mmCIF file of all heavy atoms, coordinates in Angstrom:
data_MODEL
# 
_entry.id   MODEL 
# 
loop_
_atom_site.group_PDB 
_atom_site.id 
_atom_site.type_symbol 
_atom_site.label_atom_id 
_atom_site.label_alt_id 
_atom_site.label_comp_id 
_atom_site.label_asym_id 
_atom_site.label_entity_id 
_atom_site.label_seq_id 
_atom_site.pdbx_PDB_ins_code 
_atom_site.Cartn_x 
_atom_site.Cartn_y 
_atom_site.Cartn_z 
_atom_site.occupancy 
_atom_site.B_iso_or_equiv 
_atom_site.pdbx_formal_charge 
_atom_site.auth_seq_id 
_atom_site.auth_comp_id 
_atom_site.auth_asym_id 
_atom_site.auth_atom_id 
_atom_site.pdbx_PDB_model_num 
ATOM 1   N N   . HIS A 1 1  ? -36.658 81.098  -71.309 1.00 0.00 ? 1  HIS A N   1 
ATOM 2   C CA  . HIS A 1 1  ? -36.482 81.605  -72.687 1.00 0.00 ? 1  HIS A CA  1 
ATOM 3   C C   . HIS A 1 1  ? -37.757 81.373  -73.525 1.00 0.00 ? 1  HIS A C   1 
ATOM 4   O O   . HIS A 1 1  ? -38.068 82.168  -74.408 1.00 0.00 ? 1  HIS A O   1 
ATOM 5   C CB  . HIS A 1 1  ? -35.248 80.949  -73.327 1.00 0.00 ? 1  HIS A CB  1 
ATOM 6   C CG  . HIS A 1 1  ? -33.970 81.541  -72.966 1.00 0.00 ? 1  HIS A CG  1 
ATOM 7   N ND1 . HIS A 1 1  ? -33.564 82.767  -73.376 1.00 0.00 ? 1  HIS A ND1 1 
ATOM 8   C CD2 . HIS A 1 1  ? -32.968 81.076  -72.164 1.00 0.00 ? 1  HIS A CD2 1 
ATOM 9   C CE1 . HIS A 1 1  ? -32.377 83.078  -72.870 1.00 0.00 ? 1  HIS A CE1 1 
ATOM 10  N NE2 . HIS A 1 1  ? -31.981 82.025  -72.148 1.00 0.00 ? 1  HIS A NE2 1 
ATOM 11  N N   . LEU A 1 2  ? -38.477 80.316  -73.209 1.00 0.00 ? 2  LEU A N   1 
ATOM 12  C CA  . LEU A 1 2  ? -39.716 80.031  -73.884 1.00 0.00 ? 2  LEU A CA  1 
ATOM 13  C C   . LEU A 1 2  ? -40.719 81.144  -73.610 1.00 0.00 ? 2  LEU A C   1 
ATOM 14  O O   . LEU A 1 2  ? -41.392 81.668  -74.531 1.00 0.00 ? 2  LEU A O   1 
ATOM 15  C CB  . LEU A 1 2  ? -40.294 78.675  -73.432 1.00 0.00 ? 2  LEU A CB  1 
ATOM 16  C CG  . LEU A 1 2  ? -41.433 78.079  -74.257 1.00 0.00 ? 2  LEU A CG  1 
ATOM 17  C CD1 . LEU A 1 2  ? -40.938 77.671  -75.630 1.00 0.00 ? 2  LEU A CD1 1 
ATOM 18  C CD2 . LEU A 1 2  ? -41.985 76.855  -73.541 1.00 0.00 ? 2  LEU A CD2 1 
ATOM 19  N N   . PHE A 1 3  ? -40.837 81.527  -72.359 1.00 0.00 ? 3  PHE A N   1 
ATOM 20  C CA  . PHE A 1 3  ? -41.754 82.640  -71.950 1.00 0.00 ? 3  PHE A CA  1 
ATOM 21  C C   . PHE A 1 3  ? -41.267 83.952  -72.603 1.00 0.00 ? 3  PHE A C   1 
ATOM 22  O O   . PHE A 1 3  ? -42.104 84.774  -73.048 1.00 0.00 ? 3  PHE A O   1 
ATOM 23  C CB  . PHE A 1 3  ? -41.805 82.802  -70.442 1.00 0.00 ? 3  PHE A CB  1 
ATOM 24  C CG  . PHE A 1 3  ? -42.704 81.772  -69.789 1.00 0.00 ? 3  PHE A CG  1 
ATOM 25  C CD1 . PHE A 1 3  ? -42.195 80.781  -68.971 1.00 0.00 ? 3  PHE A CD1 1 
ATOM 26  C CD2 . PHE A 1 3  ? -44.079 81.805  -69.993 1.00 0.00 ? 3  PHE A CD2 1 
ATOM 27  C CE1 . PHE A 1 3  ? -43.026 79.861  -68.366 1.00 0.00 ? 3  PHE A CE1 1 
ATOM 28  C CE2 . PHE A 1 3  ? -44.914 80.914  -69.375 1.00 0.00 ? 3  PHE A CE2 1 
ATOM 29  C CZ  . PHE A 1 3  ? -44.391 79.931  -68.571 1.00 0.00 ? 3  PHE A CZ  1 
ATOM 30  N N   . ALA A 1 4  ? -39.977 84.185  -72.605 1.00 0.00 ? 4  ALA A N   1 
ATOM 31  C CA  . ALA A 1 4  ? -39.450 85.394  -73.228 1.00 0.00 ? 4  ALA A CA  1 
ATOM 32  C C   . ALA A 1 4  ? -39.795 85.442  -74.690 1.00 0.00 ? 4  ALA A C   1 
ATOM 33  O O   . ALA A 1 4  ? -40.130 86.508  -75.223 1.00 0.00 ? 4  ALA A O   1 
ATOM 34  C CB  . ALA A 1 4  ? -37.925 85.443  -73.032 1.00 0.00 ? 4  ALA A CB  1 
ATOM 35  N N   . GLY A 1 5  ? -39.747 84.299  -75.376 1.00 0.00 ? 5  GLY A N   1 
ATOM 36  C CA  . GLY A 1 5  ? -40.073 84.230  -76.778 1.00 0.00 ? 5  GLY A CA  1 
ATOM 37  C C   . GLY A 1 5  ? -41.530 84.550  -77.064 1.00 0.00 ? 5  GLY A C   1 
ATOM 38  O O   . GLY A 1 5  ? -41.882 85.072  -78.146 1.00 0.00 ? 5  GLY A O   1 
ATOM 39  N N   . ALA A 1 6  ? -42.372 84.255  -76.082 1.00 0.00 ? 6  ALA A N   1 
ATOM 40  C CA  . ALA A 1 6  ? -43.799 84.537  -76.246 1.00 0.00 ? 6  ALA A CA  1 
ATOM 41  C C   . ALA A 1 6  ? -44.167 85.956  -75.902 1.00 0.00 ? 6  ALA A C   1 
ATOM 42  O O   . ALA A 1 6  ? -45.005 86.559  -76.512 1.00 0.00 ? 6  ALA A O   1 
ATOM 43  C CB  . ALA A 1 6  ? -44.611 83.565  -75.422 1.00 0.00 ? 6  ALA A CB  1 
ATOM 44  N N   . ARG A 1 7  ? -43.501 86.512  -74.874 1.00 0.00 ? 7  ARG A N   1 
ATOM 45  C CA  . ARG A 1 7  ? -43.933 87.820  -74.327 1.00 0.00 ? 7  ARG A CA  1 
ATOM 46  C C   . ARG A 1 7  ? -42.861 88.919  -74.417 1.00 0.00 ? 7  ARG A C   1 
ATOM 47  O O   . ARG A 1 7  ? -43.164 90.073  -74.031 1.00 0.00 ? 7  ARG A O   1 
ATOM 48  C CB  . ARG A 1 7  ? -44.359 87.652  -72.872 1.00 0.00 ? 7  ARG A CB  1 
ATOM 49  C CG  . ARG A 1 7  ? -45.543 86.680  -72.651 1.00 0.00 ? 7  ARG A CG  1 
ATOM 50  C CD  . ARG A 1 7  ? -46.773 87.134  -73.420 1.00 0.00 ? 7  ARG A CD  1 
ATOM 51  N NE  . ARG A 1 7  ? -47.223 88.433  -72.972 1.00 0.00 ? 7  ARG A NE  1 
ATOM 52  C CZ  . ARG A 1 7  ? -48.099 88.617  -71.971 1.00 0.00 ? 7  ARG A CZ  1 
ATOM 53  N NH1 . ARG A 1 7  ? -48.620 87.581  -71.329 1.00 0.00 ? 7  ARG A NH1 1 
ATOM 54  N NH2 . ARG A 1 7  ? -48.468 89.833  -71.629 1.00 0.00 ? 7  ARG A NH2 1 
ATOM 55  N N   . SER A 1 8  ? -41.694 88.618  -74.906 1.00 0.00 ? 8  SER A N   1 
ATOM 56  C CA  . SER A 1 8  ? -40.632 89.630  -75.063 1.00 0.00 ? 8  SER A CA  1 
ATOM 57  C C   . SER A 1 8  ? -40.363 90.365  -73.775 1.00 0.00 ? 8  SER A C   1 
ATOM 58  O O   . SER A 1 8  ? -39.995 91.580  -73.813 1.00 0.00 ? 8  SER A O   1 
ATOM 59  C CB  . SER A 1 8  ? -41.037 90.647  -76.170 1.00 0.00 ? 8  SER A CB  1 
ATOM 60  O OG  . SER A 1 8  ? -41.406 89.989  -77.352 1.00 0.00 ? 8  SER A OG  1 
ATOM 61  N N   . PHE A 1 9  ? -40.559 89.728  -72.628 1.00 0.00 ? 9  PHE A N   1 
ATOM 62  C CA  . PHE A 1 9  ? -40.479 90.487  -71.361 1.00 0.00 ? 9  PHE A CA  1 
ATOM 63  C C   . PHE A 1 9  ? -39.069 90.991  -71.076 1.00 0.00 ? 9  PHE A C   1 
ATOM 64  O O   . PHE A 1 9  ? -38.892 92.005  -70.377 1.00 0.00 ? 9  PHE A O   1 
ATOM 65  C CB  . PHE A 1 9  ? -41.031 89.668  -70.206 1.00 0.00 ? 9  PHE A CB  1 
ATOM 66  C CG  . PHE A 1 9  ? -40.215 88.498  -69.803 1.00 0.00 ? 9  PHE A CG  1 
ATOM 67  C CD1 . PHE A 1 9  ? -39.102 88.644  -68.991 1.00 0.00 ? 9  PHE A CD1 1 
ATOM 68  C CD2 . PHE A 1 9  ? -40.551 87.200  -70.214 1.00 0.00 ? 9  PHE A CD2 1 
ATOM 69  C CE1 . PHE A 1 9  ? -38.349 87.547  -68.607 1.00 0.00 ? 9  PHE A CE1 1 
ATOM 70  C CE2 . PHE A 1 9  ? -39.799 86.081  -69.847 1.00 0.00 ? 9  PHE A CE2 1 
ATOM 71  C CZ  . PHE A 1 9  ? -38.691 86.285  -69.043 1.00 0.00 ? 9  PHE A CZ  1 
ATOM 72  N N   . THR A 1 10 ? -38.026 90.316  -71.576 1.00 0.00 ? 10 THR A N   1 
ATOM 73  C CA  . THR A 1 10 ? -36.671 90.793  -71.299 1.00 0.00 ? 10 THR A CA  1 
ATOM 74  C C   . THR A 1 10 ? -36.460 92.185  -71.891 1.00 0.00 ? 10 THR A C   1 
ATOM 75  O O   . THR A 1 10 ? -35.859 93.058  -71.269 1.00 0.00 ? 10 THR A O   1 
ATOM 76  C CB  . THR A 1 10 ? -35.617 89.813  -71.857 1.00 0.00 ? 10 THR A CB  1 
ATOM 77  O OG1 . THR A 1 10 ? -35.931 89.524  -73.222 1.00 0.00 ? 10 THR A OG1 1 
ATOM 78  C CG2 . THR A 1 10 ? -35.633 88.532  -71.068 1.00 0.00 ? 10 THR A CG2 1 
ATOM 79  N N   . ASN A 1 11 ? -36.987 92.377  -73.113 1.00 0.00 ? 11 ASN A N   1 
ATOM 80  C CA  . ASN A 1 11 ? -36.832 93.681  -73.760 1.00 0.00 ? 11 ASN A CA  1 
ATOM 81  C C   . ASN A 1 11 ? -37.789 94.711  -73.147 1.00 0.00 ? 11 ASN A C   1 
ATOM 82  O O   . ASN A 1 11 ? -37.421 95.920  -73.049 1.00 0.00 ? 11 ASN A O   1 
ATOM 83  C CB  . ASN A 1 11 ? -37.120 93.526  -75.258 1.00 0.00 ? 11 ASN A CB  1 
ATOM 84  C CG  . ASN A 1 11 ? -35.945 92.874  -75.987 1.00 0.00 ? 11 ASN A CG  1 
ATOM 85  O OD1 . ASN A 1 11 ? -34.933 92.573  -75.338 1.00 0.00 ? 11 ASN A OD1 1 
ATOM 86  N ND2 . ASN A 1 11 ? -36.078 92.651  -77.271 1.00 0.00 ? 11 ASN A ND2 1 
ATOM 87  N N   . ALA A 1 12 ? -38.963 94.258  -72.741 1.00 0.00 ? 12 ALA A N   1 
ATOM 88  C CA  . ALA A 1 12 ? -39.894 95.201  -72.074 1.00 0.00 ? 12 ALA A CA  1 
ATOM 89  C C   . ALA A 1 12 ? -39.294 95.712  -70.782 1.00 0.00 ? 12 ALA A C   1 
ATOM 90  O O   . ALA A 1 12 ? -39.458 96.895  -70.459 1.00 0.00 ? 12 ALA A O   1 
ATOM 91  C CB  . ALA A 1 12 ? -41.226 94.465  -71.825 1.00 0.00 ? 12 ALA A CB  1 
ATOM 92  N N   . VAL A 1 13 ? -38.633 94.867  -70.047 1.00 0.00 ? 13 VAL A N   1 
ATOM 93  C CA  . VAL A 1 13 ? -37.935 95.241  -68.836 1.00 0.00 ? 13 VAL A CA  1 
ATOM 94  C C   . VAL A 1 13 ? -36.897 96.318  -69.100 1.00 0.00 ? 13 VAL A C   1 
ATOM 95  O O   . VAL A 1 13 ? -36.845 97.397  -68.471 1.00 0.00 ? 13 VAL A O   1 
ATOM 96  C CB  . VAL A 1 13 ? -37.317 94.050  -68.089 1.00 0.00 ? 13 VAL A CB  1 
ATOM 97  C CG1 . VAL A 1 13 ? -36.403 94.515  -66.960 1.00 0.00 ? 13 VAL A CG1 1 
ATOM 98  C CG2 . VAL A 1 13 ? -38.415 93.134  -67.544 1.00 0.00 ? 13 VAL A CG2 1 
ATOM 99  N N   . TRP A 1 14 ? -36.043 96.039  -70.115 1.00 0.00 ? 14 TRP A N   1 
ATOM 100 C CA  . TRP A 1 14 ? -34.973 96.957  -70.458 1.00 0.00 ? 14 TRP A CA  1 
ATOM 101 C C   . TRP A 1 14 ? -35.551 98.315  -70.932 1.00 0.00 ? 14 TRP A C   1 
ATOM 102 O O   . TRP A 1 14 ? -35.095 99.381  -70.555 1.00 0.00 ? 14 TRP A O   1 
ATOM 103 C CB  . TRP A 1 14 ? -34.125 96.363  -71.559 1.00 0.00 ? 14 TRP A CB  1 
ATOM 104 C CG  . TRP A 1 14 ? -32.986 97.260  -72.006 1.00 0.00 ? 14 TRP A CG  1 
ATOM 105 C CD1 . TRP A 1 14 ? -33.034 98.173  -73.012 1.00 0.00 ? 14 TRP A CD1 1 
ATOM 106 C CD2 . TRP A 1 14 ? -31.708 97.332  -71.441 1.00 0.00 ? 14 TRP A CD2 1 
ATOM 107 N NE1 . TRP A 1 14 ? -31.844 98.804  -73.132 1.00 0.00 ? 14 TRP A NE1 1 
ATOM 108 C CE2 . TRP A 1 14 ? -30.997 98.331  -72.145 1.00 0.00 ? 14 TRP A CE2 1 
ATOM 109 C CE3 . TRP A 1 14 ? -31.060 96.690  -70.375 1.00 0.00 ? 14 TRP A CE3 1 
ATOM 110 C CZ2 . TRP A 1 14 ? -29.668 98.664  -71.844 1.00 0.00 ? 14 TRP A CZ2 1 
ATOM 111 C CZ3 . TRP A 1 14 ? -29.746 97.031  -70.105 1.00 0.00 ? 14 TRP A CZ3 1 
ATOM 112 C CH2 . TRP A 1 14 ? -29.078 98.004  -70.833 1.00 0.00 ? 14 TRP A CH2 1 
ATOM 113 N N   . ASN A 1 15 ? -36.596 98.225  -71.752 1.00 0.00 ? 15 ASN A N   1 
ATOM 114 C CA  . ASN A 1 15 ? -37.198 99.426  -72.328 1.00 0.00 ? 15 ASN A CA  1 
ATOM 115 C C   . ASN A 1 15 ? -37.737 100.379 -71.233 1.00 0.00 ? 15 ASN A C   1 
ATOM 116 O O   . ASN A 1 15 ? -37.570 101.586 -71.302 1.00 0.00 ? 15 ASN A O   1 
ATOM 117 C CB  . ASN A 1 15 ? -38.348 98.983  -73.215 1.00 0.00 ? 15 ASN A CB  1 
ATOM 118 C CG  . ASN A 1 15 ? -38.835 100.068 -74.171 1.00 0.00 ? 15 ASN A CG  1 
ATOM 119 O OD1 . ASN A 1 15 ? -39.987 100.087 -74.584 1.00 0.00 ? 15 ASN A OD1 1 
ATOM 120 N ND2 . ASN A 1 15 ? -37.969 101.029 -74.508 1.00 0.00 ? 15 ASN A ND2 1 
ATOM 121 N N   . LEU A 1 16 ? -38.343 99.772  -70.185 1.00 0.00 ? 16 LEU A N   1 
ATOM 122 C CA  . LEU A 1 16 ? -38.890 100.566 -69.111 1.00 0.00 ? 16 LEU A CA  1 
ATOM 123 C C   . LEU A 1 16 ? -37.829 100.975 -68.068 1.00 0.00 ? 16 LEU A C   1 
ATOM 124 O O   . LEU A 1 16 ? -37.731 102.114 -67.684 1.00 0.00 ? 16 LEU A O   1 
ATOM 125 C CB  . LEU A 1 16 ? -40.040 99.805  -68.431 1.00 0.00 ? 16 LEU A CB  1 
ATOM 126 C CG  . LEU A 1 16 ? -40.716 100.501 -67.266 1.00 0.00 ? 16 LEU A CG  1 
ATOM 127 C CD1 . LEU A 1 16 ? -41.332 101.854 -67.695 1.00 0.00 ? 16 LEU A CD1 1 
ATOM 128 C CD2 . LEU A 1 16 ? -41.810 99.621  -66.644 1.00 0.00 ? 16 LEU A CD2 1 
ATOM 129 N N   . LYS A 1 17 ? -37.053 100.005 -67.658 1.00 0.00 ? 17 LYS A N   1 
ATOM 130 C CA  . LYS A 1 17 ? -36.091 100.217 -66.556 1.00 0.00 ? 17 LYS A CA  1 
ATOM 131 C C   . LYS A 1 17 ? -34.900 101.079 -66.953 1.00 0.00 ? 17 LYS A C   1 
ATOM 132 O O   . LYS A 1 17 ? -34.476 101.977 -66.219 1.00 0.00 ? 17 LYS A O   1 
ATOM 133 C CB  . LYS A 1 17 ? -35.628 98.850  -66.041 1.00 0.00 ? 17 LYS A CB  1 
ATOM 134 C CG  . LYS A 1 17 ? -34.781 98.948  -64.770 1.00 0.00 ? 17 LYS A CG  1 
ATOM 135 C CD  . LYS A 1 17 ? -34.423 97.584  -64.263 1.00 0.00 ? 17 LYS A CD  1 
ATOM 136 C CE  . LYS A 1 17 ? -33.565 97.617  -63.017 1.00 0.00 ? 17 LYS A CE  1 
ATOM 137 N NZ  . LYS A 1 17 ? -33.222 96.256  -62.522 1.00 0.00 ? 17 LYS A NZ  1 
ATOM 138 N N   . LYS A 1 18 ? -34.349 100.837 -68.162 1.00 0.00 ? 18 LYS A N   1 
ATOM 139 C CA  . LYS A 1 18 ? -33.130 101.553 -68.563 1.00 0.00 ? 18 LYS A CA  1 
ATOM 140 C C   . LYS A 1 18 ? -33.426 102.732 -69.461 1.00 0.00 ? 18 LYS A C   1 
ATOM 141 O O   . LYS A 1 18 ? -32.721 103.734 -69.426 1.00 0.00 ? 18 LYS A O   1 
ATOM 142 C CB  . LYS A 1 18 ? -32.178 100.563 -69.257 1.00 0.00 ? 18 LYS A CB  1 
ATOM 143 C CG  . LYS A 1 18 ? -31.659 99.476  -68.371 1.00 0.00 ? 18 LYS A CG  1 
ATOM 144 C CD  . LYS A 1 18 ? -30.776 100.031 -67.262 1.00 0.00 ? 18 LYS A CD  1 
ATOM 145 C CE  . LYS A 1 18 ? -30.190 98.923  -66.371 1.00 0.00 ? 18 LYS A CE  1 
ATOM 146 N NZ  . LYS A 1 18 ? -29.366 99.470  -65.289 1.00 0.00 ? 18 LYS A NZ  1 
ATOM 147 N N   . GLU A 1 19 ? -34.464 102.617 -70.316 1.00 0.00 ? 19 GLU A N   1 
ATOM 148 C CA  . GLU A 1 19 ? -34.764 103.690 -71.234 1.00 0.00 ? 19 GLU A CA  1 
ATOM 149 C C   . GLU A 1 19 ? -35.934 104.548 -70.765 1.00 0.00 ? 19 GLU A C   1 
ATOM 150 O O   . GLU A 1 19 ? -36.239 105.598 -71.350 1.00 0.00 ? 19 GLU A O   1 
ATOM 151 C CB  . GLU A 1 19 ? -35.068 103.096 -72.614 1.00 0.00 ? 19 GLU A CB  1 
ATOM 152 C CG  . GLU A 1 19 ? -33.871 102.363 -73.213 1.00 0.00 ? 19 GLU A CG  1 
ATOM 153 C CD  . GLU A 1 19 ? -34.185 101.648 -74.515 1.00 0.00 ? 19 GLU A CD  1 
ATOM 154 O OE1 . GLU A 1 19 ? -35.394 101.508 -74.824 1.00 0.00 ? 19 GLU A OE1 1 
ATOM 155 O OE2 . GLU A 1 19 ? -33.244 101.234 -75.184 1.00 0.00 ? 19 GLU A OE2 1 
ATOM 156 N N   . HIS A 1 20 ? -36.613 104.120 -69.709 1.00 0.00 ? 20 HIS A N   1 
ATOM 157 C CA  . HIS A 1 20 ? -37.694 104.852 -69.073 1.00 0.00 ? 20 HIS A CA  1 
ATOM 158 C C   . HIS A 1 20 ? -38.846 105.139 -70.051 1.00 0.00 ? 20 HIS A C   1 
ATOM 159 O O   . HIS A 1 20 ? -39.410 106.220 -70.052 1.00 0.00 ? 20 HIS A O   1 
ATOM 160 C CB  . HIS A 1 20 ? -37.190 106.177 -68.458 1.00 0.00 ? 20 HIS A CB  1 
ATOM 161 C CG  . HIS A 1 20 ? -36.064 105.935 -67.481 1.00 0.00 ? 20 HIS A CG  1 
ATOM 162 N ND1 . HIS A 1 20 ? -36.236 105.365 -66.247 1.00 0.00 ? 20 HIS A ND1 1 
ATOM 163 C CD2 . HIS A 1 20 ? -34.722 106.218 -67.599 1.00 0.00 ? 20 HIS A CD2 1 
ATOM 164 C CE1 . HIS A 1 20 ? -35.070 105.265 -65.622 1.00 0.00 ? 20 HIS A CE1 1 
ATOM 165 N NE2 . HIS A 1 20 ? -34.137 105.779 -66.429 1.00 0.00 ? 20 HIS A NE2 1 
ATOM 166 N N   . VAL A 1 21 ? -39.101 104.150 -70.911 1.00 0.00 ? 21 VAL A N   1 
ATOM 167 C CA  . VAL A 1 21 ? -40.174 104.287 -71.917 1.00 0.00 ? 21 VAL A CA  1 
ATOM 168 C C   . VAL A 1 21 ? -41.332 103.372 -71.553 1.00 0.00 ? 21 VAL A C   1 
ATOM 169 O O   . VAL A 1 21 ? -41.162 102.172 -71.363 1.00 0.00 ? 21 VAL A O   1 
ATOM 170 C CB  . VAL A 1 21 ? -39.627 103.934 -73.350 1.00 0.00 ? 21 VAL A CB  1 
ATOM 171 C CG1 . VAL A 1 21 ? -40.791 104.010 -74.360 1.00 0.00 ? 21 VAL A CG1 1 
ATOM 172 C CG2 . VAL A 1 21 ? -38.522 104.880 -73.719 1.00 0.00 ? 21 VAL A CG2 1 
ATOM 173 N N   . TRP A 1 22 ? -42.517 103.970 -71.480 1.00 0.00 ? 22 TRP A N   1 
ATOM 174 C CA  . TRP A 1 22 ? -43.725 103.179 -71.181 1.00 0.00 ? 22 TRP A CA  1 
ATOM 175 C C   . TRP A 1 22 ? -44.402 102.903 -72.538 1.00 0.00 ? 22 TRP A C   1 
ATOM 176 O O   . TRP A 1 22 ? -45.104 103.728 -73.088 1.00 0.00 ? 22 TRP A O   1 
ATOM 177 C CB  . TRP A 1 22 ? -44.641 103.999 -70.268 1.00 0.00 ? 22 TRP A CB  1 
ATOM 178 C CG  . TRP A 1 22 ? -45.882 103.263 -69.787 1.00 0.00 ? 22 TRP A CG  1 
ATOM 179 C CD1 . TRP A 1 22 ? -47.047 103.131 -70.432 1.00 0.00 ? 22 TRP A CD1 1 
ATOM 180 C CD2 . TRP A 1 22 ? -46.024 102.588 -68.547 1.00 0.00 ? 22 TRP A CD2 1 
ATOM 181 N NE1 . TRP A 1 22 ? -47.944 102.378 -69.728 1.00 0.00 ? 22 TRP A NE1 1 
ATOM 182 C CE2 . TRP A 1 22 ? -47.339 102.046 -68.519 1.00 0.00 ? 22 TRP A CE2 1 
ATOM 183 C CE3 . TRP A 1 22 ? -45.188 102.402 -67.451 1.00 0.00 ? 22 TRP A CE3 1 
ATOM 184 C CZ2 . TRP A 1 22 ? -47.824 101.301 -67.444 1.00 0.00 ? 22 TRP A CZ2 1 
ATOM 185 C CZ3 . TRP A 1 22 ? -45.678 101.649 -66.366 1.00 0.00 ? 22 TRP A CZ3 1 
ATOM 186 C CH2 . TRP A 1 22 ? -46.971 101.129 -66.389 1.00 0.00 ? 22 TRP A CH2 1 
ATOM 187 N N   . ASN A 1 23 ? -44.170 101.688 -73.067 1.00 0.00 ? 23 ASN A N   1 
ATOM 188 C CA  . ASN A 1 23 ? -44.608 101.383 -74.416 1.00 0.00 ? 23 ASN A CA  1 
ATOM 189 C C   . ASN A 1 23 ? -45.300 100.036 -74.451 1.00 0.00 ? 23 ASN A C   1 
ATOM 190 O O   . ASN A 1 23 ? -44.743 99.008  -74.854 1.00 0.00 ? 23 ASN A O   1 
ATOM 191 C CB  . ASN A 1 23 ? -43.416 101.393 -75.382 1.00 0.00 ? 23 ASN A CB  1 
ATOM 192 C CG  . ASN A 1 23 ? -43.842 101.424 -76.842 1.00 0.00 ? 23 ASN A CG  1 
ATOM 193 O OD1 . ASN A 1 23 ? -44.998 101.148 -77.150 1.00 0.00 ? 23 ASN A OD1 1 
ATOM 194 N ND2 . ASN A 1 23 ? -42.857 101.694 -77.708 1.00 0.00 ? 23 ASN A ND2 1 
ATOM 195 N N   . ARG A 1 24 ? -46.527 100.023 -74.020 1.00 0.00 ? 24 ARG A N   1 
ATOM 196 C CA  . ARG A 1 24 ? -47.316 98.749  -73.957 1.00 0.00 ? 24 ARG A CA  1 
ATOM 197 C C   . ARG A 1 24 ? -47.557 98.156  -75.357 1.00 0.00 ? 24 ARG A C   1 
ATOM 198 O O   . ARG A 1 24 ? -47.523 96.947  -75.547 1.00 0.00 ? 24 ARG A O   1 
ATOM 199 C CB  . ARG A 1 24 ? -48.610 98.953  -73.251 1.00 0.00 ? 24 ARG A CB  1 
ATOM 200 C CG  . ARG A 1 24 ? -48.462 99.393  -71.791 1.00 0.00 ? 24 ARG A CG  1 
ATOM 201 C CD  . ARG A 1 24 ? -49.832 99.667  -71.173 1.00 0.00 ? 24 ARG A CD  1 
ATOM 202 N NE  . ARG A 1 24 ? -50.635 98.480  -71.122 1.00 0.00 ? 24 ARG A NE  1 
ATOM 203 C CZ  . ARG A 1 24 ? -51.962 98.491  -70.871 1.00 0.00 ? 24 ARG A CZ  1 
ATOM 204 N NH1 . ARG A 1 24 ? -52.583 99.634  -70.704 1.00 0.00 ? 24 ARG A NH1 1 
ATOM 205 N NH2 . ARG A 1 24 ? -52.615 97.362  -70.841 1.00 0.00 ? 24 ARG A NH2 1 
ATOM 206 N N   . GLU A 1 25 ? -47.837 99.027  -76.313 1.00 0.00 ? 25 GLU A N   1 
ATOM 207 C CA  . GLU A 1 25 ? -48.195 98.544  -77.646 1.00 0.00 ? 25 GLU A CA  1 
ATOM 208 C C   . GLU A 1 25 ? -47.059 97.757  -78.359 1.00 0.00 ? 25 GLU A C   1 
ATOM 209 O O   . GLU A 1 25 ? -47.297 96.830  -79.085 1.00 0.00 ? 25 GLU A O   1 
ATOM 210 C CB  . GLU A 1 25 ? -48.627 99.708  -78.532 1.00 0.00 ? 25 GLU A CB  1 
ATOM 211 C CG  . GLU A 1 25 ? -49.920 100.413 -78.108 1.00 0.00 ? 25 GLU A CG  1 
ATOM 212 C CD  . GLU A 1 25 ? -49.694 101.345 -76.911 1.00 0.00 ? 25 GLU A CD  1 
ATOM 213 O OE1 . GLU A 1 25 ? -48.501 101.620 -76.571 1.00 0.00 ? 25 GLU A OE1 1 
ATOM 214 O OE2 . GLU A 1 25 ? -50.700 101.729 -76.285 1.00 0.00 ? 25 GLU A OE2 1 
ATOM 215 N N   . LYS A 1 26 ? -45.851 98.205  -78.062 1.00 0.00 ? 26 LYS A N   1 
ATOM 216 C CA  . LYS A 1 26 ? -44.690 97.590  -78.766 1.00 0.00 ? 26 LYS A CA  1 
ATOM 217 C C   . LYS A 1 26 ? -44.501 96.139  -78.359 1.00 0.00 ? 26 LYS A C   1 
ATOM 218 O O   . LYS A 1 26 ? -44.061 95.305  -79.175 1.00 0.00 ? 26 LYS A O   1 
ATOM 219 C CB  . LYS A 1 26 ? -43.428 98.382  -78.460 1.00 0.00 ? 26 LYS A CB  1 
ATOM 220 C CG  . LYS A 1 26 ? -42.199 97.860  -79.200 1.00 0.00 ? 26 LYS A CG  1 
ATOM 221 C CD  . LYS A 1 26 ? -40.991 98.727  -78.917 1.00 0.00 ? 26 LYS A CD  1 
ATOM 222 C CE  . LYS A 1 26 ? -39.779 98.233  -79.733 1.00 0.00 ? 26 LYS A CE  1 
ATOM 223 N NZ  . LYS A 1 26 ? -38.601 99.056  -79.499 1.00 0.00 ? 26 LYS A NZ  1 
ATOM 224 N N   . TRP A 1 27 ? -44.847 95.826  -77.129 1.00 0.00 ? 27 TRP A N   1 
ATOM 225 C CA  . TRP A 1 27 ? -44.537 94.481  -76.613 1.00 0.00 ? 27 TRP A CA  1 
ATOM 226 C C   . TRP A 1 27 ? -45.794 93.594  -76.592 1.00 0.00 ? 27 TRP A C   1 
ATOM 227 O O   . TRP A 1 27 ? -46.165 93.033  -75.585 1.00 0.00 ? 27 TRP A O   1 
ATOM 228 C CB  . TRP A 1 27 ? -43.915 94.595  -75.186 1.00 0.00 ? 27 TRP A CB  1 
ATOM 229 C CG  . TRP A 1 27 ? -42.764 95.545  -75.194 1.00 0.00 ? 27 TRP A CG  1 
ATOM 230 C CD1 . TRP A 1 27 ? -42.638 96.688  -74.495 1.00 0.00 ? 27 TRP A CD1 1 
ATOM 231 C CD2 . TRP A 1 27 ? -41.566 95.399  -75.958 1.00 0.00 ? 27 TRP A CD2 1 
ATOM 232 N NE1 . TRP A 1 27 ? -41.435 97.299  -74.729 1.00 0.00 ? 27 TRP A NE1 1 
ATOM 233 C CE2 . TRP A 1 27 ? -40.756 96.514  -75.653 1.00 0.00 ? 27 TRP A CE2 1 
ATOM 234 C CE3 . TRP A 1 27 ? -41.076 94.464  -76.857 1.00 0.00 ? 27 TRP A CE3 1 
ATOM 235 C CZ2 . TRP A 1 27 ? -39.495 96.742  -76.207 1.00 0.00 ? 27 TRP A CZ2 1 
ATOM 236 C CZ3 . TRP A 1 27 ? -39.798 94.667  -77.412 1.00 0.00 ? 27 TRP A CZ3 1 
ATOM 237 C CH2 . TRP A 1 27 ? -39.051 95.766  -77.098 1.00 0.00 ? 27 TRP A CH2 1 
ATOM 238 N N   . LEU A 1 28 ? -46.422 93.503  -77.759 1.00 0.00 ? 28 LEU A N   1 
ATOM 239 C CA  . LEU A 1 28 ? -47.582 92.619  -77.919 1.00 0.00 ? 28 LEU A CA  1 
ATOM 240 C C   . LEU A 1 28 ? -47.088 91.188  -78.027 1.00 0.00 ? 28 LEU A C   1 
ATOM 241 O O   . LEU A 1 28 ? -46.322 90.849  -78.929 1.00 0.00 ? 28 LEU A O   1 
ATOM 242 C CB  . LEU A 1 28 ? -48.373 93.024  -79.181 1.00 0.00 ? 28 LEU A CB  1 
ATOM 243 C CG  . LEU A 1 28 ? -49.665 92.266  -79.421 1.00 0.00 ? 28 LEU A CG  1 
ATOM 244 C CD1 . LEU A 1 28 ? -50.683 92.579  -78.328 1.00 0.00 ? 28 LEU A CD1 1 
ATOM 245 C CD2 . LEU A 1 28 ? -50.241 92.627  -80.794 1.00 0.00 ? 28 LEU A CD2 1 
# 
């Protein structure tokens, strides 16, 4: 959860895998 808080990777995974959106800028 600490890593997730720093990099938002859980949402980045969902955004790409489920919504099929390639959005690098959003997950700074």
